[in-house]
N, C-alpha and C. Protein backbone atom coordinates (compact mmCIF):
# COMPACT_ATOMS: atom_id res chain seq x y z
N UNK A 1 9.55 23.10 18.61
CA UNK A 1 10.69 23.09 17.72
C UNK A 1 11.06 21.67 17.34
N UNK A 2 11.19 20.82 18.33
CA UNK A 2 11.56 19.43 18.07
C UNK A 2 10.43 18.71 17.32
N UNK A 3 9.19 19.06 17.68
CA UNK A 3 8.05 18.44 17.03
C UNK A 3 8.03 18.77 15.53
N UNK A 4 8.30 20.02 15.18
CA UNK A 4 8.35 20.43 13.77
C UNK A 4 9.46 19.69 13.04
N UNK A 5 10.60 19.58 13.68
CA UNK A 5 11.73 18.88 13.08
C UNK A 5 11.40 17.41 12.83
N UNK A 6 10.77 16.77 13.80
CA UNK A 6 10.39 15.37 13.64
C UNK A 6 9.34 15.19 12.55
N UNK A 7 8.39 16.11 12.45
CA UNK A 7 7.38 16.04 11.39
C UNK A 7 8.01 16.18 10.01
N UNK A 8 8.94 17.11 9.88
CA UNK A 8 9.62 17.27 8.59
C UNK A 8 10.47 16.06 8.25
N UNK A 9 11.12 15.51 9.24
CA UNK A 9 11.92 14.32 9.03
C UNK A 9 11.03 13.14 8.61
N UNK A 10 9.89 13.01 9.25
CA UNK A 10 8.95 11.95 8.92
C UNK A 10 8.45 12.11 7.49
N UNK A 11 8.13 13.34 7.06
CA UNK A 11 7.67 13.59 5.69
C UNK A 11 8.76 13.25 4.69
N UNK A 12 9.98 13.63 5.02
CA UNK A 12 11.10 13.36 4.13
C UNK A 12 11.32 11.86 3.96
N UNK A 13 11.28 11.14 5.05
CA UNK A 13 11.47 9.69 5.00
C UNK A 13 10.34 9.03 4.21
N UNK A 14 9.11 9.48 4.41
CA UNK A 14 7.98 8.89 3.69
C UNK A 14 8.06 9.17 2.20
N UNK A 15 8.58 10.34 1.83
CA UNK A 15 8.76 10.65 0.41
C UNK A 15 9.84 9.77 -0.20
N UNK A 16 10.92 9.57 0.54
CA UNK A 16 12.04 8.77 0.03
C UNK A 16 11.63 7.31 -0.14
N UNK A 17 10.96 6.75 0.84
CA UNK A 17 10.59 5.34 0.77
C UNK A 17 9.39 5.09 -0.12
N UNK A 18 8.49 6.07 -0.23
CA UNK A 18 7.29 5.97 -1.06
C UNK A 18 6.61 4.62 -0.93
N UNK A 19 6.06 4.39 0.22
CA UNK A 19 5.34 3.14 0.44
C UNK A 19 4.11 3.11 -0.44
N UNK A 20 3.86 1.94 -1.03
CA UNK A 20 2.69 1.80 -1.89
C UNK A 20 1.44 1.65 -1.03
N UNK A 21 0.42 2.34 -1.43
CA UNK A 21 -0.85 2.20 -0.73
C UNK A 21 -1.58 0.97 -1.25
N UNK A 22 -2.64 0.59 -0.58
CA UNK A 22 -3.42 -0.57 -1.04
C UNK A 22 -4.06 -0.27 -2.38
N UNK A 23 -4.36 1.00 -2.65
CA UNK A 23 -4.92 1.37 -3.95
C UNK A 23 -3.93 1.07 -5.07
N UNK A 24 -2.65 1.40 -4.87
CA UNK A 24 -1.63 1.11 -5.87
C UNK A 24 -1.54 -0.39 -6.12
N UNK A 25 -1.61 -1.18 -5.05
CA UNK A 25 -1.53 -2.63 -5.20
C UNK A 25 -2.73 -3.14 -5.99
N UNK A 26 -3.92 -2.67 -5.67
CA UNK A 26 -5.12 -3.09 -6.39
C UNK A 26 -5.06 -2.68 -7.84
N UNK A 27 -4.57 -1.46 -8.11
CA UNK A 27 -4.46 -0.98 -9.48
C UNK A 27 -3.46 -1.82 -10.26
N UNK A 28 -2.32 -2.13 -9.66
CA UNK A 28 -1.32 -2.96 -10.34
C UNK A 28 -1.85 -4.36 -10.61
N UNK A 29 -2.60 -4.91 -9.66
CA UNK A 29 -3.18 -6.23 -9.86
C UNK A 29 -4.19 -6.18 -10.99
N UNK A 30 -5.02 -5.13 -11.03
CA UNK A 30 -6.01 -4.97 -12.09
C UNK A 30 -5.32 -4.83 -13.44
N UNK A 31 -4.26 -4.04 -13.48
CA UNK A 31 -3.51 -3.82 -14.71
C UNK A 31 -2.89 -5.12 -15.20
N UNK A 32 -2.28 -5.88 -14.28
CA UNK A 32 -1.67 -7.16 -14.65
C UNK A 32 -2.73 -8.14 -15.15
N UNK A 33 -3.90 -8.11 -14.52
CA UNK A 33 -5.00 -8.98 -14.93
C UNK A 33 -5.45 -8.64 -16.34
N UNK A 34 -5.54 -7.36 -16.67
CA UNK A 34 -5.94 -6.93 -18.01
C UNK A 34 -4.89 -7.34 -19.05
N UNK A 35 -3.61 -7.24 -18.70
CA UNK A 35 -2.55 -7.64 -19.62
C UNK A 35 -2.62 -9.14 -19.88
N UNK A 36 -2.83 -9.93 -18.82
CA UNK A 36 -2.95 -11.38 -19.00
C UNK A 36 -4.15 -11.73 -19.86
N UNK A 37 -5.26 -11.01 -19.67
CA UNK A 37 -6.45 -11.25 -20.49
C UNK A 37 -6.17 -10.92 -21.95
N UNK A 38 -5.49 -9.81 -22.20
CA UNK A 38 -5.14 -9.41 -23.56
C UNK A 38 -4.23 -10.45 -24.23
N UNK A 39 -3.25 -10.95 -23.47
CA UNK A 39 -2.34 -11.95 -24.03
C UNK A 39 -3.03 -13.29 -24.25
N UNK A 40 -4.00 -13.60 -23.41
CA UNK A 40 -4.68 -14.90 -23.54
C UNK A 40 -5.58 -14.96 -24.77
N UNK A 41 -5.90 -13.82 -25.35
CA UNK A 41 -6.73 -13.81 -26.56
C UNK A 41 -5.93 -14.14 -27.82
N UNK A 42 -4.65 -14.43 -27.67
CA UNK A 42 -3.81 -14.79 -28.81
C UNK A 42 -4.23 -16.13 -29.37
N UNK A 43 -4.21 -16.23 -30.68
CA UNK A 43 -4.63 -17.46 -31.35
C UNK A 43 -3.48 -18.46 -31.39
N UNK A 44 -2.29 -17.99 -31.69
CA UNK A 44 -1.13 -18.89 -31.77
C UNK A 44 0.08 -18.21 -31.15
N UNK A 45 1.21 -18.92 -31.14
CA UNK A 45 2.40 -18.40 -30.48
C UNK A 45 2.96 -17.17 -31.20
N UNK A 46 2.82 -17.12 -32.53
CA UNK A 46 3.30 -15.96 -33.27
C UNK A 46 2.57 -14.70 -32.81
N UNK A 47 1.25 -14.80 -32.71
CA UNK A 47 0.47 -13.64 -32.27
C UNK A 47 0.79 -13.28 -30.82
N UNK A 48 1.01 -14.29 -29.99
CA UNK A 48 1.38 -14.05 -28.60
C UNK A 48 2.69 -13.28 -28.51
N UNK A 49 3.69 -13.71 -29.26
CA UNK A 49 4.98 -13.02 -29.28
C UNK A 49 4.84 -11.59 -29.81
N UNK A 50 3.99 -11.43 -30.82
CA UNK A 50 3.76 -10.10 -31.37
C UNK A 50 3.14 -9.17 -30.32
N UNK A 51 2.16 -9.69 -29.59
CA UNK A 51 1.51 -8.89 -28.55
C UNK A 51 2.47 -8.54 -27.42
N UNK A 52 3.33 -9.49 -27.04
CA UNK A 52 4.31 -9.23 -25.99
C UNK A 52 5.30 -8.15 -26.45
N UNK A 53 5.76 -8.25 -27.72
CA UNK A 53 6.67 -7.21 -28.24
C UNK A 53 5.99 -5.86 -28.29
N UNK A 54 4.70 -5.85 -28.66
CA UNK A 54 3.94 -4.60 -28.71
C UNK A 54 3.86 -3.96 -27.32
N UNK A 55 3.57 -4.77 -26.30
CA UNK A 55 3.49 -4.25 -24.93
C UNK A 55 4.87 -3.82 -24.44
N UNK A 56 5.92 -4.54 -24.84
CA UNK A 56 7.29 -4.15 -24.46
C UNK A 56 7.64 -2.78 -25.03
N UNK A 57 7.27 -2.56 -26.30
CA UNK A 57 7.56 -1.27 -26.92
C UNK A 57 6.85 -0.14 -26.20
N UNK A 58 5.64 -0.40 -25.73
CA UNK A 58 4.88 0.62 -25.01
C UNK A 58 5.40 0.80 -23.59
N UNK A 59 6.19 -0.16 -23.09
CA UNK A 59 6.71 -0.08 -21.74
C UNK A 59 5.74 -0.56 -20.69
N UNK A 60 4.75 -1.34 -21.09
CA UNK A 60 3.72 -1.79 -20.18
C UNK A 60 4.06 -3.15 -19.58
N UNK A 61 4.73 -3.97 -20.34
CA UNK A 61 4.93 -5.36 -19.95
C UNK A 61 6.41 -5.68 -19.85
N UNK A 62 6.82 -6.30 -18.76
CA UNK A 62 8.19 -6.77 -18.60
C UNK A 62 8.16 -8.27 -18.39
N UNK A 63 8.97 -8.98 -19.10
CA UNK A 63 8.97 -10.44 -18.99
C UNK A 63 9.55 -10.89 -17.65
N UNK A 64 10.51 -10.13 -17.14
CA UNK A 64 11.20 -10.56 -15.93
C UNK A 64 10.76 -9.75 -14.76
C-alpha cells in the first residue's frame, strides 16, 4: 500500500518537474546551432534583422 502511494507520488512529482533528458538538451543545442547557421548566412544587417523577425513570428527564436 505504501509502496504504491510512493510510486504514484514519485510519478506525479516527475510529471510536475519535467526534468529534461539529455536527448532534449542535444536537440535544443542542435536546433540553436541550425538557427545560428541560418542567421550567419545573412549578407547585411537588414537581411539579418529580417531573418530574426521571421523566426520571431514563427516562435522559433527569442532574443532574450
